[in-house]
């Protein structure tokens, strides 16, 4: 029988204490809500010694209350845990890809500033990935997968026909915009 390591024992102790199910989601929601309230100054600000300062005490109480309401729901905590694990996976995937791209740039420094279209592409790709992660965590992607798995040739032909018609209409009615000429 394999003996349990000290680190595995600590992790199981944290699990029994509720660190992963209560404390970490609470801290995450509290921190994000407090940062949003501080940045947006929704609950107001006051002038102290000529400086405009946010009402930290009200922001903290509101963020604290929202965080407690979130951890009271086990479904929300489960969604947060699943989403955060998948977002970290997406982040590791992005960093790994950038490391692989950096291999091909030899001794030159690689920055995405020289490639603005790639930067936008990766931003859109990460956004789509995060939306897909949230939809999967909420269980909404099962309906989409079921739709694609259960359709027959009639459905596919109808959808393809509609896409071709829409593409044709857009192609016929599209007028390129004229760029305004600069006056010098």
Protein backbone atom coordinates (compact mmCIF):
# COMPACT_ATOMS: atom_id res chain seq x y z
CA UNK A 1 0.00 0.00 0.00
CA UNK A 2 1.31 3.44 -0.94
CA UNK A 3 1.91 5.76 1.96
CA UNK A 4 0.27 9.18 1.74
CA UNK A 5 2.70 12.09 1.48
CA UNK A 6 2.67 15.06 3.82
CA UNK A 7 1.58 17.42 1.05
CA UNK A 8 -1.33 15.15 0.06
CA UNK A 9 -2.35 15.10 3.73
CA UNK A 10 -2.30 18.91 3.88
CA UNK A 11 -4.40 19.16 0.72
CA UNK A 12 -6.95 16.69 2.09
CA UNK A 13 -6.98 18.66 5.37
CA UNK A 14 -7.69 21.86 3.41
CA UNK A 15 -10.49 20.05 1.59
CA UNK A 16 -12.02 18.90 4.90
CA UNK A 17 -11.74 22.43 6.32
CA UNK A 18 -13.58 23.83 3.29
CA UNK A 19 -10.75 25.96 1.96
CA UNK A 20 -11.56 25.09 -1.67
CA UNK A 21 -15.34 25.19 -1.31
CA UNK A 22 -15.77 28.19 0.98
CA UNK A 23 -12.69 30.28 1.68
CA UNK A 24 -11.14 30.58 -1.80
CA UNK A 25 -14.42 31.31 -3.65
CA UNK A 26 -15.31 33.83 -0.92
CA UNK A 27 -11.96 35.59 -1.27
CA UNK A 28 -12.19 35.58 -5.06
CA UNK A 29 -15.69 37.08 -5.17
CA UNK A 30 -14.90 39.57 -2.40
CA UNK A 31 -11.71 40.74 -4.12
CA UNK A 32 -13.30 41.11 -7.55
CA UNK A 33 -16.39 42.90 -6.19
CA UNK A 34 -14.33 45.21 -3.98
CA UNK A 35 -12.03 46.09 -6.89
CA UNK A 36 -15.00 46.83 -9.16
CA UNK A 37 -16.67 48.99 -6.52
CA UNK A 38 -13.44 50.87 -5.82
CA UNK A 39 -12.66 51.46 -9.49
CA UNK A 40 -16.14 52.53 -10.57
CA UNK A 41 -16.96 54.55 -7.42
CA UNK A 42 -20.59 53.47 -7.75
CA UNK A 43 -21.30 53.91 -4.05
CA UNK A 44 -19.78 57.39 -3.99
CA UNK A 45 -16.65 59.12 -2.82
CA UNK A 46 -15.77 61.82 -0.35
CA UNK A 47 -13.17 64.56 -0.13
CA UNK A 48 -10.59 64.19 2.60
CA UNK A 49 -7.86 66.82 2.83
CA UNK A 50 -8.58 67.92 -0.73
CA UNK A 51 -8.32 64.39 -2.16
CA UNK A 52 -11.22 62.40 -3.52
CA UNK A 53 -11.33 59.06 -1.71
CA UNK A 54 -13.77 56.20 -2.25
CA UNK A 55 -15.96 55.04 0.58
CA UNK A 56 -13.94 51.92 1.37
CA UNK A 57 -16.07 50.91 4.34
CA UNK A 58 -19.28 50.79 2.29
CA UNK A 59 -17.51 49.10 -0.62
CA UNK A 60 -16.09 46.48 1.74
CA UNK A 61 -19.45 45.75 3.37
CA UNK A 62 -21.22 45.41 0.00
CA UNK A 63 -18.46 43.17 -1.40
CA UNK A 64 -18.50 41.12 1.83
CA UNK A 65 -22.28 40.65 1.61
CA UNK A 66 -22.19 39.66 -2.06
CA UNK A 67 -19.37 37.18 -1.40
CA UNK A 68 -21.37 35.60 1.43
CA UNK A 69 -24.45 35.34 -0.78
CA UNK A 70 -22.38 33.62 -3.46
CA UNK A 71 -20.85 31.02 -1.14
CA UNK A 72 -24.29 30.30 0.32
CA UNK A 73 -25.21 28.74 -3.03
CA UNK A 74 -23.42 25.46 -3.62
CA UNK A 75 -24.28 25.62 -7.32
CA UNK A 76 -22.51 28.97 -7.74
CA UNK A 77 -19.46 27.69 -5.87
CA UNK A 78 -19.34 24.58 -8.07
CA UNK A 79 -19.56 26.76 -11.19
CA UNK A 80 -16.80 29.06 -9.89
CA UNK A 81 -14.53 26.11 -9.11
CA UNK A 82 -15.08 24.52 -12.53
CA UNK A 83 -14.69 27.80 -14.42
CA UNK A 84 -11.51 28.83 -12.62
CA UNK A 85 -9.89 25.44 -13.22
CA UNK A 86 -10.68 25.64 -16.94
CA UNK A 87 -9.56 29.28 -17.24
CA UNK A 88 -6.22 28.36 -15.68
CA UNK A 89 -5.97 25.56 -18.24
CA UNK A 90 -6.70 28.07 -21.03
CA UNK A 91 -4.07 30.42 -19.61
CA UNK A 92 -1.46 27.65 -19.50
CA UNK A 93 -2.34 26.76 -23.10
CA UNK A 94 -1.85 30.39 -24.20
CA UNK A 95 1.49 30.74 -22.40
CA UNK A 96 2.67 27.41 -23.83
CA UNK A 97 1.78 28.56 -27.34
CA UNK A 98 3.68 31.82 -26.84
CA UNK A 99 6.69 29.85 -25.59
CA UNK A 100 6.59 27.70 -28.72
CA UNK A 101 6.33 30.79 -30.93
CA UNK A 102 9.27 32.32 -29.07
CA UNK A 103 11.42 29.31 -30.00
CA UNK A 104 11.24 30.31 -33.68
CA UNK A 105 12.41 33.88 -33.06
CA UNK A 106 15.94 32.81 -32.09
CA UNK A 107 17.73 35.53 -30.13
CA UNK A 108 15.36 38.37 -31.04
CA UNK A 109 12.77 39.43 -28.51
CA UNK A 110 9.25 38.40 -29.47
CA UNK A 111 6.47 40.87 -28.86
CA UNK A 112 2.94 40.83 -30.16
CA UNK A 113 3.08 44.61 -30.69
CA UNK A 114 4.61 43.96 -34.10
CA UNK A 115 1.65 41.73 -34.99
CA UNK A 116 -1.57 43.64 -34.14
CA UNK A 117 -3.84 41.29 -36.09
CA UNK A 118 -2.50 38.29 -34.18
CA UNK A 119 -3.05 40.15 -30.91
CA UNK A 120 -6.69 40.78 -31.80
CA UNK A 121 -7.07 37.19 -32.98
CA UNK A 122 -5.74 35.82 -29.67
CA UNK A 123 -7.93 38.19 -27.67
CA UNK A 124 -11.03 37.02 -29.56
CA UNK A 125 -9.93 33.39 -29.27
CA UNK A 126 -9.44 33.71 -25.49
CA UNK A 127 -12.80 35.48 -25.15
CA UNK A 128 -14.55 32.72 -27.09
CA UNK A 129 -12.74 30.16 -24.93
CA UNK A 130 -13.88 31.85 -21.71
CA UNK A 131 -17.48 32.11 -22.97
CA UNK A 132 -17.40 28.41 -23.91
CA UNK A 133 -16.01 27.57 -20.45
CA UNK A 134 -18.84 29.48 -18.75
CA UNK A 135 -21.50 27.94 -20.99
CA UNK A 136 -20.11 24.47 -20.30
CA UNK A 137 -20.03 25.10 -16.55
CA UNK A 138 -23.65 26.23 -16.64
CA UNK A 139 -24.62 23.14 -18.63
CA UNK A 140 -25.85 25.09 -21.65
CA UNK A 141 -23.44 23.54 -24.14
CA UNK A 142 -25.11 20.14 -23.77
CA UNK A 143 -28.11 21.49 -25.70
CA UNK A 144 -25.85 22.70 -28.52
CA UNK A 145 -24.00 19.37 -28.66
CA UNK A 146 -27.30 17.48 -28.65
CA UNK A 147 -28.51 19.63 -31.55
CA UNK A 148 -25.44 18.82 -33.63
CA UNK A 149 -25.47 15.12 -32.74
CA UNK A 150 -29.15 14.57 -33.48
CA UNK A 151 -29.67 16.36 -36.76
CA UNK A 152 -30.21 14.58 -40.02
CA UNK A 153 -29.44 15.41 -43.65
CA UNK A 154 -32.63 17.43 -44.04
CA UNK A 155 -31.63 19.80 -41.23
CA UNK A 156 -28.09 20.11 -42.56
CA UNK A 157 -29.31 20.87 -46.09
CA UNK A 158 -31.78 23.50 -44.81
CA UNK A 159 -29.17 25.28 -42.71
CA UNK A 160 -26.58 25.16 -45.49
CA UNK A 161 -29.14 26.53 -47.96
CA UNK A 162 -29.99 29.43 -45.59
CA UNK A 163 -26.30 30.25 -45.11
CA UNK A 164 -25.75 30.29 -48.88
CA UNK A 165 -28.77 32.57 -49.42
CA UNK A 166 -27.67 34.97 -46.65
CA UNK A 167 -24.13 35.01 -48.05
CA UNK A 168 -25.46 35.77 -51.53
CA UNK A 169 -27.67 38.61 -50.21
CA UNK A 170 -24.75 40.13 -48.31
CA UNK A 171 -22.51 39.78 -51.38
CA UNK A 172 -25.04 41.54 -53.63
CA UNK A 173 -25.97 44.36 -51.24
CA UNK A 174 -22.50 45.08 -49.82
CA UNK A 175 -21.15 48.51 -50.69
CA UNK A 176 -17.64 49.34 -49.52
CA UNK A 177 -17.41 52.53 -47.53
CA UNK A 178 -15.41 55.33 -48.96
CA UNK A 179 -12.57 56.41 -46.77
CA UNK A 180 -12.75 60.11 -45.97
CA UNK A 181 -10.03 62.06 -47.71
CA UNK A 182 -7.83 64.17 -45.51
CA UNK A 183 -7.55 67.82 -46.26
CA UNK A 184 -4.04 69.09 -46.06
